[in-house]
C-alpha atoms as a PDB file:
ATOM      1  CA  MET A   1       0.000   0.000   0.000  1.00  0.00           C
ATOM      2  CA  SER A   2       1.272   3.471  -0.891  1.00  0.00           C
ATOM      3  CA  ASP A   3       2.612   5.642   1.957  1.00  0.00           C
ATOM      4  CA  ASN A   4      -0.169   8.188   1.390  1.00  0.00           C
ATOM      5  CA  ILE A   5      -2.941   5.575   1.633  1.00  0.00           C
ATOM      6  CA  GLN A   6      -4.222   5.015   5.154  1.00  0.00           C
ATOM      7  CA  THR A   7      -7.002   2.902   6.595  1.00  0.00           C
ATOM      8  CA  VAL A   8      -9.813   4.796   8.346  1.00  0.00           C
ATOM      9  CA  GLU A   9     -12.740   3.479  10.368  1.00  0.00           C
ATOM     10  CA  VAL A  10     -16.390   4.352   9.795  1.00  0.00           C
ATOM     11  CA  LEU A  11     -17.672   6.044  12.961  1.00  0.00           C
ATOM     12  CA  SER A  12     -21.243   6.945  12.010  1.00  0.00           C
ATOM     13  CA  LYS A  13     -23.715   6.924   9.140  1.00  0.00           C
ATOM     14  CA  THR A  14     -26.769   9.064   8.402  1.00  0.00           C
ATOM     15  CA  THR A  15     -29.296   8.018   5.758  1.00  0.00           C
ATOM     16  CA  TRP A  16     -31.142  11.007   4.281  1.00  0.00           C
ATOM     17  CA  THR A  17     -33.047   9.182   1.525  1.00  0.00           C
ATOM     18  CA  PRO A  18     -32.652   5.767  -0.133  1.00  0.00           C
ATOM     19  CA  ASN A  19     -30.131   7.413  -2.473  1.00  0.00           C
ATOM     20  CA  LEU A  20     -28.400   9.922  -0.196  1.00  0.00           C
ATOM     21  CA  PHE A  21     -26.318   9.298   2.905  1.00  0.00           C
ATOM     22  CA  SER A  22     -23.536  10.820   4.973  1.00  0.00           C
ATOM     23  CA  PHE A  23     -20.846   9.134   7.006  1.00  0.00           C
ATOM     24  CA  THR A  24     -17.949  10.030   9.257  1.00  0.00           C
ATOM     25  CA  VAL A  25     -14.591   8.317   9.492  1.00  0.00           C
ATOM     26  CA  SER A  26     -11.595   8.564  11.773  1.00  0.00           C
ATOM     27  CA  ARG A  27      -9.082  11.257  10.862  1.00  0.00           C
ATOM     28  CA  PRO A  28      -5.384  10.387  10.632  1.00  0.00           C
ATOM     29  CA  ASP A  29      -3.353  12.583  12.982  1.00  0.00           C
ATOM     30  CA  SER A  30      -1.151  13.996  10.218  1.00  0.00           C
ATOM     31  CA  PHE A  31      -3.929  14.696   7.711  1.00  0.00           C
ATOM     32  CA  LYS A  32      -4.502  18.353   6.797  1.00  0.00           C
ATOM     33  CA  PHE A  33      -6.696  19.997   4.174  1.00  0.00           C
ATOM     34  CA  THR A  34      -8.171  23.353   3.206  1.00  0.00           C
ATOM     35  CA  ALA A  35     -11.935  23.888   3.340  1.00  0.00           C
ATOM     36  CA  GLY A  36     -13.322  23.147  -0.121  1.00  0.00           C
ATOM     37  CA  GLN A  37     -10.819  20.483  -1.071  1.00  0.00           C
ATOM     38  CA  PHE A  38     -11.569  16.843  -1.836  1.00  0.00           C
ATOM     39  CA  VAL A  39      -9.867  13.531  -1.222  1.00  0.00           C
ATOM     40  CA  ARG A  40      -9.985  10.109  -2.793  1.00  0.00           C
ATOM     41  CA  LEU A  41     -11.691   7.437  -0.735  1.00  0.00           C
ATOM     42  CA  GLY A  42     -11.156   3.794  -1.463  1.00  0.00           C
ATOM     43  CA  VAL A  43     -13.127   0.658  -0.771  1.00  0.00           C
ATOM     44  CA  ASN A  44     -12.248  -2.980  -1.166  1.00  0.00           C
ATOM     45  CA  PRO A  45     -15.624  -4.730  -1.401  1.00  0.00           C
ATOM     46  CA  SER A  46     -14.137  -8.031  -0.248  1.00  0.00           C
ATOM     47  CA  GLN A  47     -13.219  -6.396   3.064  1.00  0.00           C
ATOM     48  CA  LEU A  48     -16.634  -4.875   3.790  1.00  0.00           C
ATOM     49  CA  LYS A  49     -18.430  -6.848   6.472  1.00  0.00           C
ATOM     50  CA  HIS A  50     -21.794  -6.223   4.857  1.00  0.00           C
ATOM     51  CA  TYR A  51     -20.962  -6.501   1.168  1.00  0.00           C
ATOM     52  CA  LYS A  52     -23.941  -6.881  -1.154  1.00  0.00           C
ATOM     53  CA  HIS A  53     -24.007  -6.970  -4.897  1.00  0.00           C
ATOM     54  CA  ALA A  54     -25.605  -3.833  -6.374  1.00  0.00           C
ATOM     55  CA  ASP A  55     -28.314  -5.867  -8.082  1.00  0.00           C
ATOM     56  CA  SER A  56     -28.995  -8.353  -5.311  1.00  0.00           C
ATOM     57  CA  GLN A  57     -30.098  -8.445  -1.703  1.00  0.00           C
ATOM     58  CA  THR A  58     -28.012 -11.557  -1.089  1.00  0.00           C
ATOM     59  CA  LYS A  59     -24.344 -11.749  -0.291  1.00  0.00           C
ATOM     60  CA  GLU A  60     -22.066 -12.707  -3.145  1.00  0.00           C
ATOM     61  CA  THR A  61     -18.351 -13.025  -3.658  1.00  0.00           C
ATOM     62  CA  ALA A  62     -16.883  -9.518  -3.775  1.00  0.00           C
ATOM     63  CA  PRO A  63     -14.150  -8.464  -6.192  1.00  0.00           C
ATOM     64  CA  ASP A  64     -10.744  -8.298  -4.529  1.00  0.00           C
ATOM     65  CA  GLU A  65      -9.816  -4.910  -5.945  1.00  0.00           C
ATOM     66  CA  ASP A  66      -9.566  -1.416  -4.443  1.00  0.00           C
ATOM     67  CA  ILE A  67     -11.875   1.183  -5.980  1.00  0.00           C
ATOM     68  CA  PHE A  68     -11.216   4.900  -5.388  1.00  0.00           C
ATOM     69  CA  ARG A  69     -13.491   7.921  -5.963  1.00  0.00           C
ATOM     70  CA  ALA A  70     -13.221  11.652  -5.236  1.00  0.00           C
ATOM     71  CA  TYR A  71     -15.206  13.058  -2.321  1.00  0.00           C
ATOM     72  CA  SER A  72     -15.383  16.630  -1.048  1.00  0.00           C
ATOM     73  CA  ILE A  73     -15.027  16.917   2.705  1.00  0.00           C
ATOM     74  CA  VAL A  74     -18.050  18.156   4.650  1.00  0.00           C
ATOM     75  CA  SER A  75     -16.319  18.692   7.963  1.00  0.00           C
ATOM     76  CA  SER A  76     -14.278  21.646   9.110  1.00  0.00           C
ATOM     77  CA  PRO A  77     -10.489  21.555   8.628  1.00  0.00           C
ATOM     78  CA  PHE A  78     -10.346  21.596  12.437  1.00  0.00           C
ATOM     79  CA  ASP A  79     -12.732  18.717  13.183  1.00  0.00           C
ATOM     80  CA  GLU A  80     -11.436  15.561  14.802  1.00  0.00           C
ATOM     81  CA  VAL A  81     -13.311  13.361  12.302  1.00  0.00           C
ATOM     82  CA  LEU A  82     -13.876  13.502   8.550  1.00  0.00           C
ATOM     83  CA  GLU A  83     -17.404  13.656   7.136  1.00  0.00           C
ATOM     84  CA  PHE A  84     -18.574  12.914   3.589  1.00  0.00           C
ATOM     85  CA  PHE A  85     -21.878  13.237   1.699  1.00  0.00           C
ATOM     86  CA  SER A  86     -22.651  10.611  -0.939  1.00  0.00           C
ATOM     87  CA  ILE A  87     -25.220   9.738  -3.558  1.00  0.00           C
ATOM     88  CA  VAL A  88     -25.931   6.134  -4.485  1.00  0.00           C
ATOM     89  CA  ILE A  89     -25.358   5.374  -8.163  1.00  0.00           C
ATOM     90  CA  ALA A  90     -27.165   2.100  -8.839  1.00  0.00           C
ATOM     91  CA  ASP A  91     -24.558   0.694 -11.226  1.00  0.00           C
ATOM     92  CA  GLY A  92     -21.596   2.533  -9.729  1.00  0.00           C
ATOM     93  CA  ALA A  93     -18.694   0.311  -8.798  1.00  0.00           C
ATOM     94  CA  PHE A  94     -18.002   2.479  -5.747  1.00  0.00           C
ATOM     95  CA  THR A  95     -21.261   3.851  -4.334  1.00  0.00           C
ATOM     96  CA  SER A  96     -23.190   0.651  -5.011  1.00  0.00           C
ATOM     97  CA  GLN A  97     -20.922  -0.863  -2.352  1.00  0.00           C
ATOM     98  CA  LEU A  98     -20.468   2.197  -0.155  1.00  0.00           C
ATOM     99  CA  GLN A  99     -24.208   2.423   0.552  1.00  0.00           C
ATOM    100  CA  TYR A 100     -23.893  -0.731   2.671  1.00  0.00           C
ATOM    101  CA  LEU A 101     -21.334   0.808   5.001  1.00  0.00           C
ATOM    102  CA  GLN A 102     -21.826   0.207   8.695  1.00  0.00           C
ATOM    103  CA  VAL A 103     -20.071   1.500  11.765  1.00  0.00           C
ATOM    104  CA  SER A 104     -16.653  -0.137  12.269  1.00  0.00           C
ATOM    105  CA  ASP A 105     -16.201  -0.891   8.552  1.00  0.00           C
ATOM    106  CA  GLU A 106     -12.875   0.268   7.124  1.00  0.00           C
ATOM    107  CA  LEU A 107     -12.181   2.461   4.101  1.00  0.00           C
ATOM    108  CA  LEU A 108      -8.993   3.641   2.443  1.00  0.00           C
ATOM    109  CA  LEU A 109      -8.061   7.332   2.458  1.00  0.00           C
ATOM    110  CA  ASN A 110      -5.575   8.937   0.102  1.00  0.00           C
ATOM    111  CA  THR A 111      -4.183  11.595   2.441  1.00  0.00           C
ATOM    112  CA  THR A 112      -3.194  13.945  -0.385  1.00  0.00           C
ATOM    113  CA  PRO A 113      -5.936  16.615  -0.637  1.00  0.00           C
ATOM    114  CA  PHE A 114      -6.885  17.855  -4.096  1.00  0.00           C
ATOM    115  CA  GLY A 115      -8.780  20.732  -5.652  1.00  0.00           C
ATOM    116  CA  PHE A 116      -8.762  24.497  -5.955  1.00  0.00           C
ATOM    117  CA  LEU A 117     -12.333  25.285  -4.899  1.00  0.00           C
ATOM    118  CA  THR A 118     -10.973  27.205  -1.933  1.00  0.00           C
ATOM    119  CA  LEU A 119     -11.417  30.780  -0.825  1.00  0.00           C
ATOM    120  CA  ALA A 120      -7.650  31.315  -0.975  1.00  0.00           C
ATOM    121  CA  ARG A 121      -7.895  31.330  -4.784  1.00  0.00           C
ATOM    122  CA  TYR A 122      -9.569  34.753  -4.683  1.00  0.00           C
ATOM    123  CA  GLN A 123      -7.066  37.621  -4.846  1.00  0.00           C
ATOM    124  CA  LYS A 124      -9.237  40.106  -6.728  1.00  0.00           C
ATOM    125  CA  PRO A 125     -11.859  41.381  -6.160  1.00  0.00           C
ATOM    126  CA  ASP A 126     -11.402  41.755  -2.411  1.00  0.00           C
ATOM    127  CA  PRO A 127     -13.764  39.609  -0.336  1.00  0.00           C
ATOM    128  CA  LYS A 128     -17.162  41.164   0.306  1.00  0.00           C
ATOM    129  CA  ASP A 129     -20.064  39.038  -1.027  1.00  0.00           C
ATOM    130  CA  LEU A 130     -19.698  35.251  -1.197  1.00  0.00           C
ATOM    131  CA  TRP A 131     -22.243  33.238  -3.175  1.00  0.00           C
ATOM    132  CA  LEU A 132     -22.210  29.451  -2.778  1.00  0.00           C
ATOM    133  CA  LEU A 133     -24.440  27.667  -5.321  1.00  0.00           C
ATOM    134  CA  ALA A 134     -24.896  23.918  -4.870  1.00  0.00           C
ATOM    135  CA  THR A 135     -26.975  21.016  -6.060  1.00  0.00           C
ATOM    136  CA  GLY A 136     -27.122  17.656  -4.290  1.00  0.00           C
ATOM    137  CA  THR A 137     -23.869  16.465  -2.761  1.00  0.00           C
ATOM    138  CA  GLY A 138     -22.157  19.564  -4.175  1.00  0.00           C
ATOM    139  CA  LEU A 139     -23.152  21.113  -0.852  1.00  0.00           C
ATOM    140  CA  ALA A 140     -20.243  19.334   0.869  1.00  0.00           C
ATOM    141  CA  PRO A 141     -17.344  21.753   0.249  1.00  0.00           C
ATOM    142  CA  PHE A 142     -19.518  24.732   1.161  1.00  0.00           C
ATOM    143  CA  LEU A 143     -20.426  23.236   4.525  1.00  0.00           C
ATOM    144  CA  SER A 144     -16.719  22.840   5.175  1.00  0.00           C
ATOM    145  CA  MET A 145     -16.094  26.502   4.314  1.00  0.00           C
ATOM    146  CA  LEU A 146     -18.947  27.642   6.553  1.00  0.00           C
ATOM    147  CA  GLN A 147     -17.416  25.776   9.484  1.00  0.00           C
ATOM    148  CA  ASP A 148     -14.177  27.731   9.098  1.00  0.00           C
ATOM    149  CA  LEU A 149     -14.110  30.946  11.146  1.00  0.00           C
ATOM    150  CA  GLN A 150     -11.941  32.657   8.534  1.00  0.00           C
ATOM    151  CA  THR A 151     -14.877  32.626   6.108  1.00  0.00           C
ATOM    152  CA  TRP A 152     -17.047  34.506   8.584  1.00  0.00           C
ATOM    153  CA  GLN A 153     -14.279  37.017   9.250  1.00  0.00           C
ATOM    154  CA  ASP A 154     -13.413  37.765   5.638  1.00  0.00           C
ATOM    155  CA  TYR A 155     -16.857  38.410   4.139  1.00  0.00           C
ATOM    156  CA  GLU A 156     -19.732  40.802   4.809  1.00  0.00           C
ATOM    157  CA  HIS A 157     -22.466  38.733   3.179  1.00  0.00           C
ATOM    158  CA  ILE A 158     -22.710  35.018   2.419  1.00  0.00           C
ATOM    159  CA  VAL A 159     -25.471  33.518   0.282  1.00  0.00           C
ATOM    160  CA  LEU A 160     -25.925  29.743   0.248  1.00  0.00           C
ATOM    161  CA  ALA A 161     -28.357  28.576  -2.439  1.00  0.00           C
ATOM    162  CA  TYR A 162     -28.916  24.833  -2.256  1.00  0.00           C
ATOM    163  CA  SER A 163     -31.015  23.028  -4.866  1.00  0.00           C
ATOM    164  CA  ALA A 164     -32.542  19.548  -4.674  1.00  0.00           C
ATOM    165  CA  ARG A 165     -35.278  17.741  -6.547  1.00  0.00           C
ATOM    166  CA  SER A 166     -37.476  17.115  -3.502  1.00  0.00           C
ATOM    167  CA  LEU A 167     -37.735  18.295   0.076  1.00  0.00           C
ATOM    168  CA  ASP A 168     -36.411  15.034   1.518  1.00  0.00           C
ATOM    169  CA  GLU A 169     -33.265  15.394  -0.629  1.00  0.00           C
ATOM    170  CA  LEU A 170     -32.548  18.780   0.944  1.00  0.00           C
ATOM    171  CA  ALA A 171     -30.055  17.442   3.480  1.00  0.00           C
ATOM    172  CA  TYR A 172     -28.283  19.211   6.364  1.00  0.00           C
ATOM    173  CA  VAL A 173     -30.939  21.952   6.634  1.00  0.00           C
ATOM    174  CA  GLU A 174     -30.954  21.968  10.440  1.00  0.00           C
ATOM    175  CA  GLN A 175     -27.168  22.256  10.494  1.00  0.00           C
ATOM    176  CA  ILE A 176     -27.247  25.064   7.927  1.00  0.00           C
ATOM    177  CA  GLU A 177     -29.765  26.978  10.014  1.00  0.00           C
ATOM    178  CA  ARG A 178     -27.409  26.803  13.021  1.00  0.00           C
ATOM    179  CA  LEU A 179     -24.285  27.961  11.189  1.00  0.00           C
ATOM    180  CA  GLN A 180     -24.684  31.675  11.956  1.00  0.00           C
ATOM    181  CA  GLU A 181     -25.029  30.958  15.660  1.00  0.00           C
ATOM    182  CA  ASP A 182     -22.477  28.174  15.864  1.00  0.00           C
ATOM    183  CA  PHE A 183     -19.701  29.837  13.841  1.00  0.00           C
ATOM    184  CA  GLY A 184     -20.591  33.442  13.013  1.00  0.00           C
ATOM    185  CA  ALA A 185     -21.089  34.164  16.695  1.00  0.00           C
ATOM    186  CA  LEU A 186     -17.470  33.253  17.389  1.00  0.00           C
ATOM    187  CA  VAL A 187     -15.938  36.202  15.481  1.00  0.00           C
ATOM    188  CA  ASP A 188     -16.296  39.977  15.688  1.00  0.00           C
ATOM    189  CA  ASN A 189     -18.416  41.573  12.944  1.00  0.00           C
ATOM    190  CA  PRO A 190     -19.224  38.273  11.219  1.00  0.00           C
ATOM    191  CA  ALA A 191     -20.736  37.922   7.778  1.00  0.00           C
ATOM    192  CA  THR A 192     -24.502  37.575   7.561  1.00  0.00           C
ATOM    193  CA  LEU A 193     -25.643  34.270   6.082  1.00  0.00           C
ATOM    194  CA  THR A 194     -28.688  34.025   3.822  1.00  0.00           C
ATOM    195  CA  PHE A 195     -29.819  30.462   3.130  1.00  0.00           C
ATOM    196  CA  ILE A 196     -31.996  29.965   0.047  1.00  0.00           C
ATOM    197  CA  PRO A 197     -33.441  26.452  -0.365  1.00  0.00           C
ATOM    198  CA  ILE A 198     -34.544  25.430  -3.869  1.00  0.00           C
ATOM    199  CA  VAL A 199     -36.770  22.418  -4.576  1.00  0.00           C
ATOM    200  CA  THR A 200     -37.361  21.837  -8.273  1.00  0.00           C
ATOM    201  CA  ARG A 201     -39.843  18.941  -8.497  1.00  0.00           C
ATOM    202  CA  GLU A 202     -42.407  19.752  -5.816  1.00  0.00           C
ATOM    203  CA  GLU A 203     -43.874  22.842  -4.206  1.00  0.00           C
ATOM    204  CA  VAL A 204     -42.371  23.605  -0.806  1.00  0.00           C
ATOM    205  CA  GLU A 205     -43.346  26.621   1.257  1.00  0.00           C
ATOM    206  CA  GLY A 206     -40.442  29.055   1.570  1.00  0.00           C
ATOM    207  CA  ALA A 207     -38.358  27.400  -1.154  1.00  0.00           C
ATOM    208  CA  LEU A 208     -37.761  28.595  -4.695  1.00  0.00           C
ATOM    209  CA  SER A 209     -38.608  26.137  -7.447  1.00  0.00           C
ATOM    210  CA  ASP A 210     -36.769  26.968 -10.675  1.00  0.00           C
ATOM    211  CA  ARG A 211     -33.300  25.894 -11.763  1.00  0.00           C
ATOM    212  CA  LEU A 212     -30.426  28.135 -10.759  1.00  0.00           C
ATOM    213  CA  PRO A 213     -29.763  29.576 -14.249  1.00  0.00           C
ATOM    214  CA  LYS A 214     -33.353  30.803 -14.550  1.00  0.00           C
ATOM    215  CA  LEU A 215     -33.370  32.180 -11.002  1.00  0.00           C
ATOM    216  CA  LEU A 216     -30.255  34.177 -11.823  1.00  0.00           C
ATOM    217  CA  THR A 217     -31.399  35.339 -15.239  1.00  0.00           C
ATOM    218  CA  ASP A 218     -34.738  36.718 -14.013  1.00  0.00           C
ATOM    219  CA  GLY A 219     -33.205  38.144 -10.832  1.00  0.00           C
ATOM    220  CA  THR A 220     -35.267  36.037  -8.421  1.00  0.00           C
ATOM    221  CA  LEU A 221     -32.205  34.696  -6.595  1.00  0.00           C
ATOM    222  CA  GLN A 222     -30.642  38.119  -6.204  1.00  0.00           C
ATOM    223  CA  LYS A 223     -33.939  39.540  -4.952  1.00  0.00           C
ATOM    224  CA  ARG A 224     -34.322  36.784  -2.361  1.00  0.00           C
ATOM    225  CA  ALA A 225     -30.713  37.317  -1.235  1.00  0.00           C
ATOM    226  CA  GLY A 226     -31.101  41.092  -1.122  1.00  0.00           C
ATOM    227  CA  ILE A 227     -27.722  41.477  -2.835  1.00  0.00           C
ATOM    228  CA  ALA A 228     -26.811  42.267  -6.427  1.00  0.00           C
ATOM    229  CA  LEU A 229     -24.167  40.414  -8.400  1.00  0.00           C
ATOM    230  CA  ASP A 230     -21.305  42.845  -8.915  1.00  0.00           C
ATOM    231  CA  ILE A 231     -18.086  42.207 -10.806  1.00  0.00           C
ATOM    232  CA  ASP A 232     -16.241  44.379  -8.258  1.00  0.00           C
ATOM    233  CA  SER A 233     -17.477  42.669  -5.080  1.00  0.00           C
ATOM    234  CA  THR A 234     -18.786  39.168  -5.848  1.00  0.00           C
ATOM    235  CA  HIS A 235     -17.073  35.843  -5.283  1.00  0.00           C
ATOM    236  CA  ILE A 236     -19.269  32.999  -6.551  1.00  0.00           C
ATOM    237  CA  MET A 237     -18.653  29.262  -6.324  1.00  0.00           C
ATOM    238  CA  LEU A 238     -20.481  26.408  -8.056  1.00  0.00           C
ATOM    239  CA  CYS A 239     -20.478  22.732  -7.125  1.00  0.00           C
ATOM    240  CA  GLY A 240     -22.834  19.893  -7.994  1.00  0.00           C
ATOM    241  CA  ASN A 241     -24.413  18.361 -11.043  1.00  0.00           C
ATOM    242  CA  PRO A 242     -22.123  18.994 -14.060  1.00  0.00           C
ATOM    243  CA  ASP A 243     -25.003  20.267 -16.188  1.00  0.00           C
ATOM    244  CA  MET A 244     -25.965  22.753 -13.482  1.00  0.00           C
ATOM    245  CA  VAL A 245     -22.381  23.902 -13.105  1.00  0.00           C
ATOM    246  CA  GLU A 246     -21.947  24.460 -16.842  1.00  0.00           C
ATOM    247  CA  ASP A 247     -25.318  26.158 -17.410  1.00  0.00           C
ATOM    248  CA  THR A 248     -24.988  28.366 -14.340  1.00  0.00           C
ATOM    249  CA  LYS A 249     -21.427  29.315 -15.222  1.00  0.00           C
ATOM    250  CA  GLU A 250     -22.522  30.460 -18.678  1.00  0.00           C
ATOM    251  CA  THR A 251     -25.465  32.358 -17.176  1.00  0.00           C
ATOM    252  CA  LEU A 252     -23.181  34.196 -14.776  1.00  0.00           C
ATOM    253  CA  LYS A 253     -20.826  35.093 -17.604  1.00  0.00           C
ATOM    254  CA  SER A 254     -23.785  36.488 -19.561  1.00  0.00           C
ATOM    255  CA  LEU A 255     -24.541  38.683 -16.532  1.00  0.00           C
ATOM    256  CA  GLY A 256     -21.053  40.202 -16.686  1.00  0.00           C
ATOM    257  CA  LEU A 257     -19.150  38.092 -14.169  1.00  0.00           C
ATOM    258  CA  VAL A 258     -15.862  36.477 -15.181  1.00  0.00           C
ATOM    259  CA  MET A 259     -14.099  33.210 -14.465  1.00  0.00           C
ATOM    260  CA  ASN A 260     -11.474  33.270 -11.744  1.00  0.00           C
ATOM    261  CA  ARG A 261      -8.080  32.706 -13.306  1.00  0.00           C
ATOM    262  CA  ARG A 262      -4.737  33.115 -11.565  1.00  0.00           C
ATOM    263  CA  GLY A 263      -6.479  34.591  -8.550  1.00  0.00           C
ATOM    264  CA  GLU A 264      -8.544  37.200 -10.350  1.00  0.00           C
ATOM    265  CA  GLY A 265     -12.217  37.009 -11.246  1.00  0.00           C
ATOM    266  CA  ASN A 266     -15.580  36.108  -9.786  1.00  0.00           C
ATOM    267  CA  ILE A 267     -16.539  32.534 -10.728  1.00  0.00           C
ATOM    268  CA  ALA A 268     -14.927  29.343  -9.384  1.00  0.00           C
ATOM    269  CA  VAL A 269     -16.079  25.790 -10.099  1.00  0.00           C
ATOM    270  CA  GLU A 270     -15.013  22.295  -9.139  1.00  0.00           C
ATOM    271  CA  ASN A 271     -14.671  19.567 -11.766  1.00  0.00           C
ATOM    272  CA  TYR A 272     -14.061  16.124 -10.316  1.00  0.00           C
ATOM    273  CA  TRP A 273     -17.001  14.221 -11.772  1.00  0.00           C
END
């Protein structure tokens, strides 16, 4: 096994829907990362205590081969455990096995963090308004950022827009609603957080219902946030479904915002699908 591959133990699991779950694992003492980064988790199905074939409810012989996938980290860089948010892909070699995780199972962790969806990438414009736009499990890196006190110190306004197909897929809402108190309250003059839930396939009181590109184009999202998008003050991050990321990125560019390159610009995206 490579020196940067370590074994971690599953400590807890939360099932949000039949296709969405979160889990925590032990954190190696030497492991460090920046909020917004991702790691590669590995599973050897033959070593899972509760292995099941993706298409069967009965135990079968598992392949003796490590499978690795990229996962953004939900937890704060300062937490004692590592948390991840996962979707189940029915035919996926990785998540079709990972969904059967139970406490005390073991996973593999590549301890080299990856990715540039971090607030440190922004050099210009100066931090003022931070927009975090997520669909599904793309929420993960933004939760990590919002559990870092530096985020609350650096910005004046933070907007978290989180889109899901149905209300039950809108995970972590209670935690999101506590963020201002749990983290903003720990710094002087913290940013104000505006949380905007979006549910696209059913009507939910208090939630918007259109896709992010339309909400931006017609100004509904900006109106709900009470903040305009401004090339001179806006930092905006996108993470989630690749189609959403691409369509929203192009919409933002049509509104005058520019991609962040070499530290300058408004729009940052993560591409690890």
